[in-house]
Amino acid sequence: MEDKIRKIFENEAAAIKRIPVTGNYIKAVDIIHNHVHIKKGKLITAGMGKAGQVAHNIATTFSSTGTPAIFLHPSEAQHGDLGILQENDVLLAVSNSGKTREIIELCDLKDNLFPSIPVIVITGHENSPLVERADCYIITGAPSEVCPLGLTPTTSTTVFTVIGDALVILMMERIGFTAGDYAKRHHGGYLGVKSREKSEKS
């Protein structure tokens, strides 16, 4: 059993190492920085199912590190939540297949309201409908899932999370985000105390 667990970890680690690193990471950061920090819009993330949960996490991590972001559920967008969109926003869509129907429909709805909002896509498939709709796309490397059925989103959600972390860190460096800035956004809990202590020492 321990060998089996180690093998799962090794497969997930190998998938992370195989994520293609391209100039599109910088392009994505440029787009987000321009729309959120220059034009004063916000980052809106979207995804369905497990990918949606990762998209939600990406939004909260961006928000806590100085880049206002919010998760928009693609299905709820069709029932009024689309109203969160503003003209200077940017949409970050997460879809392993690159052809998630609800995400494609969200792009259509977005175009009907604010067609100028750029779309960044994180996906496992370069030749997909969402990539065709994207102003910028980041490829995961399409790793095989460690799920014994090869179906449950497992490895794919791992690489989604890592890619989101990379974008967050690049943005923190771009805007010069400090421990003091962090402390202002984390009043309570262990991180609040730690960030204030670090800010006072700097």
N, C-alpha and C. Protein backbone atom coordinates (compact mmCIF):
# COMPACT_ATOMS: atom_id res chain seq x y z
N MET A 1 0.82 -1.20 0.00
CA MET A 1 0.00 0.00 0.00
C MET A 1 0.87 1.27 0.00
N GLU A 2 1.95 1.27 0.77
CA GLU A 2 2.84 2.44 0.80
C GLU A 2 3.47 2.68 -0.56
N ASP A 3 3.86 1.61 -1.24
CA ASP A 3 4.42 1.75 -2.59
C ASP A 3 3.39 2.34 -3.55
N LYS A 4 2.15 1.94 -3.38
CA LYS A 4 1.08 2.44 -4.24
C LYS A 4 0.88 3.95 -4.02
N ILE A 5 0.94 4.37 -2.76
CA ILE A 5 0.79 5.79 -2.43
C ILE A 5 1.95 6.59 -3.00
N ARG A 6 3.17 6.04 -2.86
CA ARG A 6 4.35 6.73 -3.41
C ARG A 6 4.22 6.88 -4.92
N LYS A 7 3.70 5.85 -5.58
CA LYS A 7 3.55 5.90 -7.03
C LYS A 7 2.56 6.98 -7.45
N ILE A 8 1.49 7.15 -6.68
CA ILE A 8 0.52 8.21 -6.96
C ILE A 8 1.20 9.57 -6.87
N PHE A 9 1.97 9.76 -5.79
CA PHE A 9 2.68 11.02 -5.61
C PHE A 9 3.68 11.26 -6.74
N GLU A 10 4.39 10.20 -7.13
CA GLU A 10 5.39 10.33 -8.20
C GLU A 10 4.73 10.71 -9.53
N ASN A 11 3.58 10.11 -9.81
CA ASN A 11 2.87 10.42 -11.06
C ASN A 11 2.38 11.86 -11.08
N GLU A 12 1.88 12.34 -9.95
CA GLU A 12 1.40 13.72 -9.89
C GLU A 12 2.58 14.70 -10.00
N ALA A 13 3.69 14.38 -9.32
CA ALA A 13 4.87 15.24 -9.39
C ALA A 13 5.41 15.29 -10.82
N ALA A 14 5.41 14.14 -11.49
CA ALA A 14 5.90 14.09 -12.87
C ALA A 14 5.01 14.93 -13.80
N ALA A 15 3.71 14.91 -13.54
CA ALA A 15 2.79 15.71 -14.36
C ALA A 15 3.08 17.20 -14.21
N ILE A 16 3.40 17.62 -13.00
CA ILE A 16 3.75 19.02 -12.76
C ILE A 16 5.01 19.40 -13.53
N LYS A 17 5.99 18.51 -13.51
CA LYS A 17 7.25 18.79 -14.20
C LYS A 17 7.07 18.86 -15.72
N ARG A 18 6.03 18.22 -16.22
CA ARG A 18 5.80 18.21 -17.67
C ARG A 18 4.89 19.35 -18.14
N ILE A 19 4.47 20.22 -17.25
CA ILE A 19 3.65 21.36 -17.68
C ILE A 19 4.47 22.24 -18.63
N PRO A 20 3.99 22.49 -19.84
CA PRO A 20 4.75 23.32 -20.77
C PRO A 20 4.90 24.76 -20.25
N VAL A 21 6.11 25.27 -20.28
CA VAL A 21 6.37 26.65 -19.86
C VAL A 21 6.58 27.48 -21.11
N THR A 22 5.68 28.44 -21.33
CA THR A 22 5.73 29.28 -22.53
C THR A 22 5.59 30.75 -22.15
N GLY A 23 5.72 31.59 -23.15
CA GLY A 23 5.57 33.02 -22.94
C GLY A 23 4.15 33.43 -22.63
N ASN A 24 3.20 32.50 -22.75
CA ASN A 24 1.81 32.83 -22.48
C ASN A 24 1.54 33.10 -21.01
N TYR A 25 2.42 32.64 -20.14
CA TYR A 25 2.27 32.98 -18.72
C TYR A 25 2.44 34.48 -18.52
N ILE A 26 3.48 35.02 -19.15
CA ILE A 26 3.72 36.47 -19.05
C ILE A 26 2.62 37.24 -19.75
N LYS A 27 2.16 36.71 -20.89
CA LYS A 27 1.06 37.37 -21.61
C LYS A 27 -0.19 37.41 -20.75
N ALA A 28 -0.49 36.32 -20.06
CA ALA A 28 -1.67 36.27 -19.18
C ALA A 28 -1.54 37.27 -18.05
N VAL A 29 -0.36 37.35 -17.45
CA VAL A 29 -0.13 38.31 -16.36
C VAL A 29 -0.26 39.74 -16.88
N ASP A 30 0.25 39.98 -18.09
CA ASP A 30 0.14 41.32 -18.69
C ASP A 30 -1.33 41.72 -18.85
N ILE A 31 -2.14 40.77 -19.34
CA ILE A 31 -3.56 41.06 -19.55
C ILE A 31 -4.26 41.34 -18.22
N ILE A 32 -4.02 40.48 -17.24
CA ILE A 32 -4.66 40.66 -15.93
C ILE A 32 -4.20 41.97 -15.28
N HIS A 33 -2.91 42.24 -15.35
CA HIS A 33 -2.38 43.47 -14.75
C HIS A 33 -2.99 44.70 -15.40
N ASN A 34 -3.08 44.69 -16.72
CA ASN A 34 -3.63 45.84 -17.43
C ASN A 34 -5.08 46.09 -17.07
N HIS A 35 -5.87 45.03 -17.02
CA HIS A 35 -7.30 45.20 -16.77
C HIS A 35 -7.63 45.44 -15.30
N VAL A 36 -6.91 44.77 -14.41
CA VAL A 36 -7.23 44.91 -12.98
C VAL A 36 -6.50 46.07 -12.33
N HIS A 37 -5.20 46.18 -12.58
CA HIS A 37 -4.41 47.18 -11.86
C HIS A 37 -4.29 48.52 -12.58
N ILE A 38 -4.47 48.52 -13.89
CA ILE A 38 -4.41 49.79 -14.64
C ILE A 38 -5.81 50.31 -14.93
N LYS A 39 -6.67 49.47 -15.48
CA LYS A 39 -8.02 49.90 -15.83
C LYS A 39 -9.02 49.76 -14.69
N LYS A 40 -8.56 49.16 -13.57
CA LYS A 40 -9.37 49.02 -12.34
C LYS A 40 -10.60 48.13 -12.53
N GLY A 41 -10.45 47.10 -13.37
CA GLY A 41 -11.47 46.08 -13.47
C GLY A 41 -11.19 45.00 -12.43
N LYS A 42 -11.62 43.78 -12.70
CA LYS A 42 -11.35 42.67 -11.79
C LYS A 42 -11.18 41.39 -12.59
N LEU A 43 -10.57 40.42 -11.96
CA LEU A 43 -10.40 39.12 -12.56
C LEU A 43 -11.59 38.25 -12.20
N ILE A 44 -12.19 37.65 -13.21
CA ILE A 44 -13.31 36.73 -12.99
C ILE A 44 -12.88 35.35 -13.45
N THR A 45 -12.93 34.37 -12.54
CA THR A 45 -12.57 33.01 -12.90
C THR A 45 -13.83 32.17 -13.07
N ALA A 46 -13.73 31.14 -13.89
CA ALA A 46 -14.90 30.30 -14.14
C ALA A 46 -14.46 28.88 -14.46
N GLY A 47 -15.29 27.92 -14.08
CA GLY A 47 -15.04 26.52 -14.38
C GLY A 47 -16.21 25.70 -13.88
N MET A 48 -16.35 24.51 -14.39
CA MET A 48 -17.42 23.60 -13.97
C MET A 48 -16.85 22.41 -13.22
N GLY A 49 -17.60 21.89 -12.27
CA GLY A 49 -17.18 20.71 -11.55
C GLY A 49 -15.90 20.93 -10.77
N LYS A 50 -14.99 19.94 -10.82
CA LYS A 50 -13.73 20.03 -10.08
C LYS A 50 -12.89 21.20 -10.59
N ALA A 51 -12.92 21.44 -11.90
CA ALA A 51 -12.19 22.58 -12.46
C ALA A 51 -12.73 23.88 -11.90
N GLY A 52 -14.03 23.93 -11.66
CA GLY A 52 -14.64 25.12 -11.06
C GLY A 52 -14.15 25.35 -9.64
N GLN A 53 -13.95 24.26 -8.90
CA GLN A 53 -13.44 24.41 -7.54
C GLN A 53 -12.03 24.98 -7.56
N VAL A 54 -11.22 24.55 -8.52
CA VAL A 54 -9.88 25.11 -8.66
C VAL A 54 -9.96 26.57 -9.07
N ALA A 55 -10.86 26.89 -9.98
CA ALA A 55 -11.03 28.28 -10.42
C ALA A 55 -11.42 29.17 -9.25
N HIS A 56 -12.27 28.65 -8.37
CA HIS A 56 -12.66 29.40 -7.17
C HIS A 56 -11.45 29.65 -6.29
N ASN A 57 -10.62 28.64 -6.12
CA ASN A 57 -9.41 28.79 -5.31
C ASN A 57 -8.45 29.80 -5.93
N ILE A 58 -8.32 29.78 -7.24
CA ILE A 58 -7.46 30.75 -7.93
C ILE A 58 -7.94 32.17 -7.66
N ALA A 59 -9.25 32.37 -7.70
CA ALA A 59 -9.81 33.70 -7.45
C ALA A 59 -9.51 34.17 -6.03
N THR A 60 -9.71 33.30 -5.05
CA THR A 60 -9.49 33.73 -3.66
C THR A 60 -8.01 33.98 -3.40
N THR A 61 -7.13 33.21 -4.04
CA THR A 61 -5.70 33.42 -3.85
C THR A 61 -5.25 34.73 -4.48
N PHE A 62 -5.77 35.03 -5.67
CA PHE A 62 -5.47 36.33 -6.30
C PHE A 62 -5.96 37.47 -5.40
N SER A 63 -7.18 37.36 -4.90
CA SER A 63 -7.74 38.43 -4.08
C SER A 63 -6.91 38.67 -2.83
N SER A 64 -6.45 37.60 -2.20
CA SER A 64 -5.70 37.74 -0.96
C SER A 64 -4.30 38.28 -1.19
N THR A 65 -3.86 38.32 -2.45
CA THR A 65 -2.52 38.81 -2.75
C THR A 65 -2.55 40.07 -3.61
N GLY A 66 -3.63 40.83 -3.49
CA GLY A 66 -3.65 42.17 -4.07
C GLY A 66 -4.28 42.34 -5.43
N THR A 67 -4.83 41.26 -6.01
CA THR A 67 -5.48 41.35 -7.31
C THR A 67 -6.94 40.96 -7.16
N PRO A 68 -7.86 41.93 -7.11
CA PRO A 68 -9.28 41.63 -6.90
C PRO A 68 -9.82 40.63 -7.92
N ALA A 69 -10.41 39.56 -7.39
CA ALA A 69 -10.91 38.49 -8.25
C ALA A 69 -12.14 37.86 -7.62
N ILE A 70 -12.97 37.27 -8.47
CA ILE A 70 -14.18 36.61 -7.98
C ILE A 70 -14.49 35.42 -8.89
N PHE A 71 -15.04 34.37 -8.31
CA PHE A 71 -15.45 33.20 -9.09
C PHE A 71 -16.87 33.38 -9.58
N LEU A 72 -17.11 33.10 -10.85
CA LEU A 72 -18.44 33.15 -11.44
C LEU A 72 -18.81 31.76 -11.92
N HIS A 73 -19.86 31.18 -11.32
CA HIS A 73 -20.30 29.86 -11.75
C HIS A 73 -20.98 29.99 -13.12
N PRO A 74 -20.52 29.27 -14.13
CA PRO A 74 -21.06 29.43 -15.48
C PRO A 74 -22.56 29.20 -15.58
N SER A 75 -23.10 28.24 -14.82
CA SER A 75 -24.54 27.99 -14.88
C SER A 75 -25.32 29.11 -14.21
N GLU A 76 -24.83 29.57 -13.06
CA GLU A 76 -25.50 30.67 -12.37
C GLU A 76 -25.43 31.96 -13.18
N ALA A 77 -24.40 32.07 -14.01
CA ALA A 77 -24.28 33.26 -14.86
C ALA A 77 -25.49 33.39 -15.77
N GLN A 78 -26.08 32.25 -16.15
CA GLN A 78 -27.24 32.27 -17.04
C GLN A 78 -28.52 32.65 -16.31
N HIS A 79 -28.42 32.79 -15.00
CA HIS A 79 -29.60 33.13 -14.20
C HIS A 79 -29.39 34.42 -13.41
N GLY A 80 -28.63 35.34 -14.02
CA GLY A 80 -28.50 36.67 -13.43
C GLY A 80 -27.14 37.02 -12.90
N ASP A 81 -26.32 36.02 -12.53
CA ASP A 81 -25.01 36.33 -11.96
C ASP A 81 -24.06 36.94 -12.98
N LEU A 82 -24.42 36.88 -14.25
CA LEU A 82 -23.60 37.53 -15.29
C LEU A 82 -23.48 39.02 -15.02
N GLY A 83 -24.41 39.54 -14.23
CA GLY A 83 -24.40 40.96 -13.91
C GLY A 83 -23.16 41.43 -13.17
N ILE A 84 -22.32 40.48 -12.70
CA ILE A 84 -21.09 40.86 -12.02
C ILE A 84 -20.07 41.42 -12.99
N LEU A 85 -20.25 41.14 -14.29
CA LEU A 85 -19.30 41.60 -15.30
C LEU A 85 -19.33 43.11 -15.48
N GLN A 86 -18.13 43.69 -15.62
CA GLN A 86 -17.97 45.10 -15.97
C GLN A 86 -16.99 45.18 -17.13
N GLU A 87 -17.03 46.29 -17.84
CA GLU A 87 -16.32 46.36 -19.12
C GLU A 87 -14.81 46.21 -19.03
N ASN A 88 -14.19 46.51 -17.90
CA ASN A 88 -12.73 46.41 -17.79
C ASN A 88 -12.25 45.12 -17.15
N ASP A 89 -13.17 44.17 -16.96
CA ASP A 89 -12.82 42.90 -16.34
C ASP A 89 -12.04 42.00 -17.30
N VAL A 90 -11.53 40.90 -16.77
CA VAL A 90 -10.88 39.86 -17.57
C VAL A 90 -11.40 38.52 -17.08
N LEU A 91 -11.64 37.61 -18.02
CA LEU A 91 -12.20 36.30 -17.69
C LEU A 91 -11.12 35.23 -17.81
N LEU A 92 -10.95 34.44 -16.73
CA LEU A 92 -10.03 33.32 -16.73
C LEU A 92 -10.84 32.03 -16.61
N ALA A 93 -10.86 31.24 -17.67
CA ALA A 93 -11.66 30.02 -17.71
C ALA A 93 -10.78 28.78 -17.56
N VAL A 94 -11.22 27.85 -16.74
CA VAL A 94 -10.48 26.61 -16.50
C VAL A 94 -11.32 25.44 -17.03
N SER A 95 -10.76 24.69 -17.98
CA SER A 95 -11.48 23.55 -18.56
C SER A 95 -10.48 22.54 -19.09
N ASN A 96 -10.50 21.34 -18.54
CA ASN A 96 -9.53 20.33 -18.97
C ASN A 96 -9.73 19.97 -20.44
N SER A 97 -10.97 19.78 -20.85
CA SER A 97 -11.26 19.38 -22.23
C SER A 97 -11.14 20.55 -23.22
N GLY A 98 -11.35 21.75 -22.71
CA GLY A 98 -11.37 22.91 -23.59
C GLY A 98 -12.65 23.03 -24.38
N LYS A 99 -13.64 22.22 -24.03
CA LYS A 99 -14.91 22.27 -24.75
C LYS A 99 -16.11 22.18 -23.81
N THR A 100 -15.92 22.57 -22.57
CA THR A 100 -17.01 22.55 -21.61
C THR A 100 -18.14 23.45 -22.08
N ARG A 101 -19.31 22.87 -22.27
CA ARG A 101 -20.43 23.61 -22.86
C ARG A 101 -20.76 24.87 -22.09
N GLU A 102 -20.83 24.77 -20.78
CA GLU A 102 -21.23 25.94 -19.98
C GLU A 102 -20.23 27.08 -20.08
N ILE A 103 -18.94 26.75 -20.25
CA ILE A 103 -17.92 27.79 -20.39
C ILE A 103 -18.04 28.46 -21.75
N ILE A 104 -18.27 27.67 -22.78
CA ILE A 104 -18.47 28.24 -24.12
C ILE A 104 -19.68 29.16 -24.12
N GLU A 105 -20.75 28.72 -23.48
CA GLU A 105 -21.95 29.56 -23.39
C GLU A 105 -21.66 30.83 -22.60
N LEU A 106 -20.82 30.73 -21.56
CA LEU A 106 -20.46 31.91 -20.78
C LEU A 106 -19.71 32.92 -21.65
N CYS A 107 -18.86 32.42 -22.51
CA CYS A 107 -18.14 33.31 -23.43
C CYS A 107 -19.11 34.01 -24.38
N ASP A 108 -20.13 33.27 -24.84
CA ASP A 108 -21.15 33.88 -25.70
C ASP A 108 -21.91 34.97 -24.96
N LEU A 109 -22.28 34.68 -23.72
CA LEU A 109 -23.01 35.66 -22.92
C LEU A 109 -22.16 36.88 -22.65
N LYS A 110 -20.88 36.63 -22.36
CA LYS A 110 -19.95 37.73 -22.13
C LYS A 110 -19.84 38.63 -23.35
N ASP A 111 -19.76 38.00 -24.54
CA ASP A 111 -19.64 38.76 -25.78
C ASP A 111 -20.89 39.61 -26.04
N ASN A 112 -22.03 39.11 -25.62
CA ASN A 112 -23.27 39.85 -25.81
C ASN A 112 -23.34 41.08 -24.90
N LEU A 113 -22.66 41.01 -23.76
CA LEU A 113 -22.70 42.10 -22.79
C LEU A 113 -21.49 43.03 -22.92
N PHE A 114 -20.31 42.45 -22.84
CA PHE A 114 -19.06 43.22 -22.96
C PHE A 114 -18.07 42.44 -23.83
N PRO A 115 -18.17 42.55 -25.15
CA PRO A 115 -17.30 41.77 -26.04
C PRO A 115 -15.82 42.09 -25.90
N SER A 116 -15.49 43.24 -25.32
CA SER A 116 -14.08 43.62 -25.20
C SER A 116 -13.36 42.91 -24.05
N ILE A 117 -14.11 42.24 -23.16
CA ILE A 117 -13.48 41.53 -22.05
C ILE A 117 -12.63 40.39 -22.60
N PRO A 118 -11.31 40.39 -22.32
CA PRO A 118 -10.45 39.32 -22.83
C PRO A 118 -10.66 38.01 -22.08
N VAL A 119 -10.34 36.92 -22.75
CA VAL A 119 -10.50 35.59 -22.17
C VAL A 119 -9.16 34.87 -22.11
N ILE A 120 -8.81 34.41 -20.93
CA ILE A 120 -7.63 33.58 -20.73
C ILE A 120 -8.13 32.17 -20.42
N VAL A 121 -7.57 31.17 -21.06
CA VAL A 121 -8.02 29.79 -20.86
C VAL A 121 -6.87 28.93 -20.35
N ILE A 122 -7.14 28.13 -19.34
CA ILE A 122 -6.21 27.09 -18.90
C ILE A 122 -6.86 25.76 -19.26
N THR A 123 -6.19 24.97 -20.09
CA THR A 123 -6.80 23.74 -20.60
C THR A 123 -5.76 22.68 -20.92
N GLY A 124 -6.23 21.47 -21.09
CA GLY A 124 -5.34 20.38 -21.46
C GLY A 124 -5.23 20.17 -22.95
N HIS A 125 -6.05 20.89 -23.72
CA HIS A 125 -6.10 20.63 -25.16
C HIS A 125 -5.98 21.92 -25.97
N GLU A 126 -4.88 22.00 -26.71
CA GLU A 126 -4.61 23.19 -27.51
C GLU A 126 -5.60 23.34 -28.65
N ASN A 127 -5.99 22.24 -29.26
CA ASN A 127 -6.95 22.28 -30.36
C ASN A 127 -8.36 22.07 -29.81
N SER A 128 -8.91 23.13 -29.28
CA SER A 128 -10.24 23.03 -28.66
C SER A 128 -11.01 24.31 -28.89
N PRO A 129 -12.34 24.25 -28.76
CA PRO A 129 -13.17 25.44 -28.99
C PRO A 129 -12.83 26.61 -28.08
N LEU A 130 -12.48 26.33 -26.83
CA LEU A 130 -12.18 27.43 -25.92
C LEU A 130 -10.87 28.13 -26.27
N VAL A 131 -9.89 27.36 -26.73
CA VAL A 131 -8.64 27.98 -27.16
C VAL A 131 -8.89 28.91 -28.34
N GLU A 132 -9.81 28.50 -29.23
CA GLU A 132 -10.16 29.35 -30.37
C GLU A 132 -10.79 30.66 -29.92
N ARG A 133 -11.44 30.65 -28.76
CA ARG A 133 -12.10 31.84 -28.24
C ARG A 133 -11.16 32.70 -27.39
N ALA A 134 -10.00 32.17 -27.07
CA ALA A 134 -9.12 32.80 -26.09
C ALA A 134 -8.23 33.89 -26.67
N ASP A 135 -8.00 34.90 -25.86
CA ASP A 135 -6.98 35.91 -26.19
C ASP A 135 -5.61 35.40 -25.76
N CYS A 136 -5.61 34.47 -24.82
CA CYS A 136 -4.38 33.87 -24.32
C CYS A 136 -4.74 32.51 -23.73
N TYR A 137 -3.91 31.52 -23.95
CA TYR A 137 -4.20 30.20 -23.37
C TYR A 137 -2.94 29.57 -22.79
N ILE A 138 -3.14 28.78 -21.75
CA ILE A 138 -2.06 28.07 -21.08
C ILE A 138 -2.41 26.58 -21.09
N ILE A 139 -1.47 25.77 -21.56
CA ILE A 139 -1.70 24.33 -21.70
C ILE A 139 -1.13 23.58 -20.50
N THR A 140 -1.87 22.60 -20.03
CA THR A 140 -1.45 21.84 -18.84
C THR A 140 -0.50 20.69 -19.16
N GLY A 141 -0.47 20.26 -20.42
CA GLY A 141 0.28 19.07 -20.76
C GLY A 141 -0.61 17.85 -20.84
N ALA A 142 -1.89 18.02 -20.55
CA ALA A 142 -2.89 16.95 -20.64
C ALA A 142 -2.44 15.66 -19.96
N PRO A 143 -2.11 15.72 -18.67
CA PRO A 143 -1.64 14.50 -17.99
C PRO A 143 -2.75 13.48 -17.82
N SER A 144 -2.36 12.20 -17.75
CA SER A 144 -3.32 11.14 -17.45
C SER A 144 -3.72 11.24 -15.98
N GLU A 145 -4.99 11.00 -15.70
CA GLU A 145 -5.46 11.04 -14.32
C GLU A 145 -4.92 9.84 -13.54
N VAL A 146 -4.56 10.06 -12.27
CA VAL A 146 -4.11 8.94 -11.44
C VAL A 146 -5.29 8.08 -10.99
N CYS A 147 -6.49 8.57 -11.17
CA CYS A 147 -7.68 7.77 -10.89
C CYS A 147 -7.58 6.43 -11.61
N PRO A 148 -7.81 5.31 -10.93
CA PRO A 148 -7.67 3.99 -11.57
C PRO A 148 -8.59 3.80 -12.77
N LEU A 149 -9.65 4.59 -12.84
CA LEU A 149 -10.55 4.53 -13.99
C LEU A 149 -10.10 5.46 -15.11
N GLY A 150 -9.16 6.34 -14.77
CA GLY A 150 -8.73 7.33 -15.75
C GLY A 150 -9.77 8.38 -16.03
N LEU A 151 -10.71 8.57 -15.10
CA LEU A 151 -11.84 9.47 -15.33
C LEU A 151 -11.91 10.62 -14.33
N THR A 152 -11.78 10.31 -13.05
CA THR A 152 -11.95 11.34 -12.02
C THR A 152 -10.89 12.42 -12.12
N PRO A 153 -11.28 13.70 -12.16
CA PRO A 153 -10.29 14.77 -12.18
C PRO A 153 -9.40 14.71 -10.93
N THR A 154 -8.16 14.32 -11.12
CA THR A 154 -7.20 14.20 -10.03
C THR A 154 -5.91 14.91 -10.43
N THR A 155 -5.15 14.30 -11.31
CA THR A 155 -3.92 14.93 -11.78
C THR A 155 -4.20 16.24 -12.52
N SER A 156 -5.29 16.28 -13.26
CA SER A 156 -5.63 17.51 -13.99
C SER A 156 -5.88 18.67 -13.04
N THR A 157 -6.54 18.41 -11.91
CA THR A 157 -6.79 19.49 -10.96
C THR A 157 -5.51 19.89 -10.25
N THR A 158 -4.58 18.94 -10.10
CA THR A 158 -3.28 19.27 -9.50
C THR A 158 -2.53 20.27 -10.37
N VAL A 159 -2.46 19.99 -11.68
CA VAL A 159 -1.72 20.90 -12.56
C VAL A 159 -2.45 22.23 -12.72
N PHE A 160 -3.78 22.22 -12.71
CA PHE A 160 -4.53 23.48 -12.72
C PHE A 160 -4.12 24.36 -11.54
N THR A 161 -4.05 23.74 -10.37
CA THR A 161 -3.71 24.48 -9.16
C THR A 161 -2.31 25.06 -9.24
N VAL A 162 -1.37 24.27 -9.72
CA VAL A 162 0.02 24.74 -9.83
C VAL A 162 0.13 25.89 -10.82
N ILE A 163 -0.57 25.79 -11.94
CA ILE A 163 -0.55 26.87 -12.92
C ILE A 163 -1.15 28.14 -12.32
N GLY A 164 -2.25 28.00 -11.57
CA GLY A 164 -2.84 29.15 -10.90
C GLY A 164 -1.86 29.78 -9.92
N ASP A 165 -1.13 28.94 -9.17
CA ASP A 165 -0.14 29.44 -8.23
C ASP A 165 0.95 30.24 -8.95
N ALA A 166 1.38 29.73 -10.10
CA ALA A 166 2.42 30.41 -10.87
C ALA A 166 1.95 31.80 -11.30
N LEU A 167 0.72 31.89 -11.77
CA LEU A 167 0.18 33.19 -12.20
C LEU A 167 0.08 34.15 -11.02
N VAL A 168 -0.35 33.65 -9.87
CA VAL A 168 -0.46 34.49 -8.68
C VAL A 168 0.91 35.03 -8.27
N ILE A 169 1.90 34.17 -8.23
CA ILE A 169 3.24 34.59 -7.81
C ILE A 169 3.84 35.60 -8.78
N LEU A 170 3.66 35.36 -10.07
CA LEU A 170 4.14 36.31 -11.07
C LEU A 170 3.48 37.67 -10.89
N MET A 171 2.18 37.67 -10.57
CA MET A 171 1.47 38.92 -10.37
C MET A 171 1.93 39.62 -9.10
N MET A 172 2.15 38.88 -8.03
CA MET A 172 2.65 39.47 -6.79
C MET A 172 3.97 40.19 -7.03
N GLU A 173 4.84 39.57 -7.82
CA GLU A 173 6.12 40.20 -8.14
C GLU A 173 5.92 41.42 -9.02
N ARG A 174 4.97 41.33 -9.96
CA ARG A 174 4.71 42.45 -10.87
C ARG A 174 4.25 43.70 -10.11
N ILE A 175 3.38 43.52 -9.12
CA ILE A 175 2.82 44.67 -8.40
C ILE A 175 3.60 45.00 -7.14
N GLY A 176 4.66 44.25 -6.85
CA GLY A 176 5.46 44.53 -5.66
C GLY A 176 4.70 44.31 -4.37
N PHE A 177 3.93 43.24 -4.30
CA PHE A 177 3.09 42.96 -3.14
C PHE A 177 3.96 42.61 -1.94
N THR A 178 3.73 43.28 -0.81
CA THR A 178 4.56 43.14 0.38
C THR A 178 3.84 42.43 1.52
N ALA A 179 4.60 42.10 2.56
CA ALA A 179 4.01 41.51 3.76
C ALA A 179 3.03 42.48 4.41
N GLY A 180 3.33 43.78 4.31
CA GLY A 180 2.42 44.79 4.83
C GLY A 180 1.11 44.80 4.08
N ASP A 181 1.19 44.67 2.77
CA ASP A 181 -0.02 44.59 1.95
C ASP A 181 -0.82 43.34 2.32
N TYR A 182 -0.10 42.25 2.54
CA TYR A 182 -0.74 40.98 2.90
C TYR A 182 -1.48 41.11 4.23
N ALA A 183 -0.82 41.76 5.19
CA ALA A 183 -1.40 41.92 6.53
C ALA A 183 -2.71 42.70 6.48
N LYS A 184 -2.80 43.68 5.59
CA LYS A 184 -4.02 44.48 5.48
C LYS A 184 -5.21 43.66 4.99
N ARG A 185 -4.92 42.54 4.36
CA ARG A 185 -5.98 41.69 3.81
C ARG A 185 -6.22 40.44 4.66
N HIS A 186 -5.42 40.27 5.71
CA HIS A 186 -5.54 39.10 6.59
C HIS A 186 -5.50 39.56 8.04
N HIS A 187 -6.62 40.06 8.50
CA HIS A 187 -6.66 40.58 9.87
C HIS A 187 -6.59 39.46 10.90
N GLY A 188 -7.31 38.38 10.67
CA GLY A 188 -7.40 37.32 11.67
C GLY A 188 -6.58 36.10 11.33
N GLY A 189 -6.50 35.19 12.30
CA GLY A 189 -5.86 33.91 12.08
C GLY A 189 -4.35 33.95 12.10
N TYR A 190 -3.78 32.77 11.93
CA TYR A 190 -2.33 32.60 11.97
C TYR A 190 -1.63 33.44 10.91
N LEU A 191 -2.17 33.45 9.68
CA LEU A 191 -1.54 34.22 8.61
C LEU A 191 -1.57 35.72 8.89
N GLY A 192 -2.63 36.17 9.54
CA GLY A 192 -2.71 37.58 9.90
C GLY A 192 -1.60 37.97 10.86
N VAL A 193 -1.40 37.16 11.89
CA VAL A 193 -0.34 37.41 12.86
C VAL A 193 1.03 37.33 12.21
N LYS A 194 1.24 36.28 11.42
CA LYS A 194 2.55 36.08 10.78
C LYS A 194 2.89 37.20 9.81
N SER A 195 1.90 37.64 9.03
CA SER A 195 2.17 38.71 8.06
C SER A 195 2.45 40.03 8.74
N ARG A 196 1.77 40.29 9.86
CA ARG A 196 2.04 41.54 10.59
C ARG A 196 3.44 41.51 11.22
N GLU A 197 3.81 40.36 11.74
CA GLU A 197 5.15 40.24 12.32
C GLU A 197 6.23 40.43 11.26
N LYS A 198 6.01 39.84 10.11
CA LYS A 198 6.96 39.97 9.01
C LYS A 198 7.02 41.40 8.50
N SER A 199 5.86 42.07 8.45
CA SER A 199 5.81 43.46 8.00
C SER A 199 6.57 44.39 8.94
N GLU A 200 6.43 44.14 10.24
CA GLU A 200 7.11 44.98 11.23
C GLU A 200 8.62 44.83 11.20
N LYS A 201 9.09 43.65 10.78
CA LYS A 201 10.53 43.41 10.72
C LYS A 201 11.17 44.00 9.47
N SER A 202 10.33 44.21 8.44
CA SER A 202 10.88 44.70 7.16
C SER A 202 10.98 46.21 7.13
